[in-house]
N, C-alpha and C. Protein backbone atom coordinates (compact mmCIF):
# COMPACT_ATOMS: atom_id res chain seq x y z
N MET A 1 159.51 13.24 23.52
CA MET A 1 160.53 13.97 24.20
C MET A 1 161.27 13.01 25.12
N ALA A 2 162.52 12.93 25.03
CA ALA A 2 163.32 12.01 25.84
C ALA A 2 163.68 12.66 27.17
N THR A 3 163.76 11.85 28.20
CA THR A 3 164.17 12.33 29.51
C THR A 3 165.59 11.87 29.78
N ARG A 4 166.15 12.30 30.90
CA ARG A 4 167.53 11.92 31.23
C ARG A 4 167.66 10.42 31.44
N SER A 5 166.63 9.79 31.93
CA SER A 5 166.71 8.35 32.19
C SER A 5 166.57 7.54 30.91
N GLY A 6 166.33 8.19 29.81
CA GLY A 6 166.22 7.48 28.55
C GLY A 6 164.80 7.14 28.17
N GLY A 7 163.85 7.30 29.09
CA GLY A 7 162.45 7.00 28.78
C GLY A 7 161.80 8.14 28.05
N THR A 8 160.57 7.98 27.70
CA THR A 8 159.82 9.05 27.05
C THR A 8 158.73 9.53 27.99
N ARG A 9 158.39 10.78 27.89
CA ARG A 9 157.31 11.34 28.71
C ARG A 9 155.98 10.97 28.09
N ARG A 10 155.04 10.78 28.93
CA ARG A 10 153.68 10.52 28.43
C ARG A 10 153.09 11.81 27.92
N ALA A 11 152.29 11.71 26.92
CA ALA A 11 151.68 12.91 26.33
C ALA A 11 150.67 13.55 27.27
N THR A 12 150.03 12.73 28.09
CA THR A 12 149.03 13.27 29.02
C THR A 12 149.33 12.78 30.42
N ASP A 13 148.93 13.56 31.38
CA ASP A 13 149.05 13.18 32.78
C ASP A 13 147.70 12.64 33.21
N GLU A 14 147.62 11.37 33.52
CA GLU A 14 146.33 10.74 33.81
C GLU A 14 145.87 10.95 35.24
N ARG A 15 146.70 11.49 36.10
CA ARG A 15 146.26 11.73 37.49
C ARG A 15 145.12 12.74 37.53
N GLY A 16 145.21 13.78 36.75
CA GLY A 16 144.15 14.78 36.71
C GLY A 16 142.87 14.23 36.13
N ALA A 17 142.99 13.37 35.14
CA ALA A 17 141.81 12.80 34.51
C ALA A 17 141.08 11.88 35.49
N SER A 18 141.80 11.07 36.23
CA SER A 18 141.13 10.15 37.14
C SER A 18 140.47 10.90 38.30
N SER A 19 141.10 11.96 38.80
CA SER A 19 140.47 12.71 39.89
C SER A 19 139.23 13.44 39.39
N THR A 20 139.25 13.89 38.15
CA THR A 20 138.06 14.51 37.55
C THR A 20 136.94 13.49 37.43
N GLU A 21 137.28 12.29 37.02
CA GLU A 21 136.26 11.23 36.91
C GLU A 21 135.65 10.92 38.27
N TYR A 22 136.48 10.85 39.31
CA TYR A 22 135.96 10.59 40.65
C TYR A 22 135.06 11.73 41.13
N ALA A 23 135.43 12.95 40.82
CA ALA A 23 134.61 14.09 41.20
C ALA A 23 133.26 14.05 40.49
N LEU A 24 133.26 13.73 39.21
CA LEU A 24 131.99 13.62 38.47
C LEU A 24 131.13 12.49 39.02
N LEU A 25 131.76 11.39 39.39
CA LEU A 25 131.02 10.26 39.96
C LEU A 25 130.40 10.65 41.30
N ALA A 26 131.15 11.37 42.12
CA ALA A 26 130.62 11.82 43.42
C ALA A 26 129.45 12.78 43.24
N VAL A 27 129.55 13.67 42.27
CA VAL A 27 128.45 14.60 41.99
C VAL A 27 127.22 13.84 41.51
N LEU A 28 127.41 12.87 40.65
CA LEU A 28 126.29 12.07 40.15
C LEU A 28 125.59 11.32 41.29
N ILE A 29 126.37 10.73 42.18
CA ILE A 29 125.79 10.01 43.32
C ILE A 29 125.02 10.98 44.21
N ALA A 30 125.57 12.17 44.44
CA ALA A 30 124.89 13.16 45.27
C ALA A 30 123.57 13.59 44.65
N VAL A 31 123.55 13.78 43.34
CA VAL A 31 122.31 14.17 42.65
C VAL A 31 121.26 13.08 42.78
N VAL A 32 121.67 11.83 42.63
CA VAL A 32 120.73 10.70 42.74
C VAL A 32 120.17 10.61 44.16
N VAL A 33 121.02 10.78 45.16
CA VAL A 33 120.56 10.71 46.55
C VAL A 33 119.59 11.85 46.86
N ILE A 34 119.91 13.05 46.41
CA ILE A 34 119.02 14.20 46.65
C ILE A 34 117.68 14.00 45.96
N ALA A 35 117.71 13.50 44.73
CA ALA A 35 116.46 13.25 43.99
C ALA A 35 115.62 12.18 44.69
N ALA A 36 116.27 11.12 45.18
CA ALA A 36 115.53 10.06 45.87
C ALA A 36 114.89 10.57 47.16
N VAL A 37 115.62 11.39 47.90
CA VAL A 37 115.07 11.94 49.15
C VAL A 37 113.90 12.86 48.85
N MET A 38 114.03 13.66 47.82
CA MET A 38 112.94 14.58 47.48
C MET A 38 111.70 13.82 46.99
N LEU A 39 111.91 12.78 46.20
CA LEU A 39 110.77 12.03 45.67
C LEU A 39 110.11 11.15 46.73
N LEU A 40 110.91 10.52 47.56
CA LEU A 40 110.37 9.58 48.53
C LEU A 40 110.08 10.20 49.89
N GLY A 41 110.61 11.39 50.14
CA GLY A 41 110.45 12.02 51.45
C GLY A 41 109.01 12.28 51.83
N SER A 42 108.24 12.89 50.95
CA SER A 42 106.85 13.20 51.29
C SER A 42 106.01 11.94 51.37
N ALA A 43 106.28 10.97 50.51
CA ALA A 43 105.52 9.71 50.56
C ALA A 43 105.81 8.97 51.86
N THR A 44 107.05 8.97 52.28
CA THR A 44 107.42 8.30 53.53
C THR A 44 106.82 9.02 54.72
N SER A 45 106.82 10.32 54.71
CA SER A 45 106.23 11.10 55.79
C SER A 45 104.73 10.82 55.90
N ALA A 46 104.06 10.77 54.78
CA ALA A 46 102.62 10.48 54.77
C ALA A 46 102.34 9.06 55.28
N MET A 47 103.19 8.14 54.92
CA MET A 47 103.02 6.76 55.36
C MET A 47 103.15 6.67 56.88
N PHE A 48 104.16 7.35 57.46
CA PHE A 48 104.32 7.32 58.91
C PHE A 48 103.16 8.01 59.61
N ALA A 49 102.66 9.09 59.05
CA ALA A 49 101.52 9.78 59.65
C ALA A 49 100.29 8.89 59.65
N THR A 50 100.05 8.19 58.56
CA THR A 50 98.91 7.27 58.46
C THR A 50 99.05 6.14 59.47
N THR A 51 100.25 5.61 59.59
CA THR A 51 100.49 4.53 60.54
C THR A 51 100.27 5.01 61.97
N CYS A 52 100.76 6.18 62.27
CA CYS A 52 100.59 6.73 63.62
C CYS A 52 99.12 6.94 63.95
N GLN A 53 98.36 7.46 63.01
CA GLN A 53 96.95 7.74 63.26
C GLN A 53 96.13 6.46 63.37
N SER A 54 96.63 5.37 62.82
CA SER A 54 95.88 4.12 62.89
C SER A 54 96.16 3.35 64.18
N LEU A 55 97.12 3.79 64.98
CA LEU A 55 97.41 3.11 66.24
C LEU A 55 96.28 3.36 67.23
N PRO A 56 95.94 2.36 68.03
CA PRO A 56 94.84 2.51 68.97
C PRO A 56 95.09 3.57 70.04
N SER A 57 96.35 3.84 70.38
CA SER A 57 96.64 4.81 71.43
C SER A 57 96.63 6.25 70.92
N TYR A 58 96.44 6.45 69.64
CA TYR A 58 96.44 7.80 69.06
C TYR A 58 95.10 8.46 69.34
N ASP A 59 95.14 9.68 69.86
CA ASP A 59 93.90 10.45 69.94
C ASP A 59 94.15 11.81 69.25
N ALA A 60 93.13 12.51 68.96
CA ALA A 60 93.22 13.71 68.15
C ALA A 60 94.11 14.78 68.75
N GLY A 61 94.30 14.79 70.04
CA GLY A 61 95.10 15.82 70.68
C GLY A 61 96.60 15.53 70.72
N SER A 62 97.00 14.30 70.46
CA SER A 62 98.41 13.97 70.55
C SER A 62 99.09 14.06 69.18
N THR A 63 100.40 14.15 69.25
CA THR A 63 101.17 14.20 67.99
C THR A 63 102.07 12.97 67.93
N CYS A 64 102.40 12.60 66.73
CA CYS A 64 103.28 11.44 66.54
C CYS A 64 104.71 11.85 66.43
């Protein structure tokens, strides 16, 4: 289809495609971060609790 300037229109508008790709990439990154926090969160919490309990100033009545 010719335009007034003599050029031709592109068959597809790539602005929508690139924003969709960025949105999918952002969702993928969010899923990876959430999965990492869920998998490593309890292990990290247990590690800090073990470290706290091994400190000489820790006694059974105190909390870390």
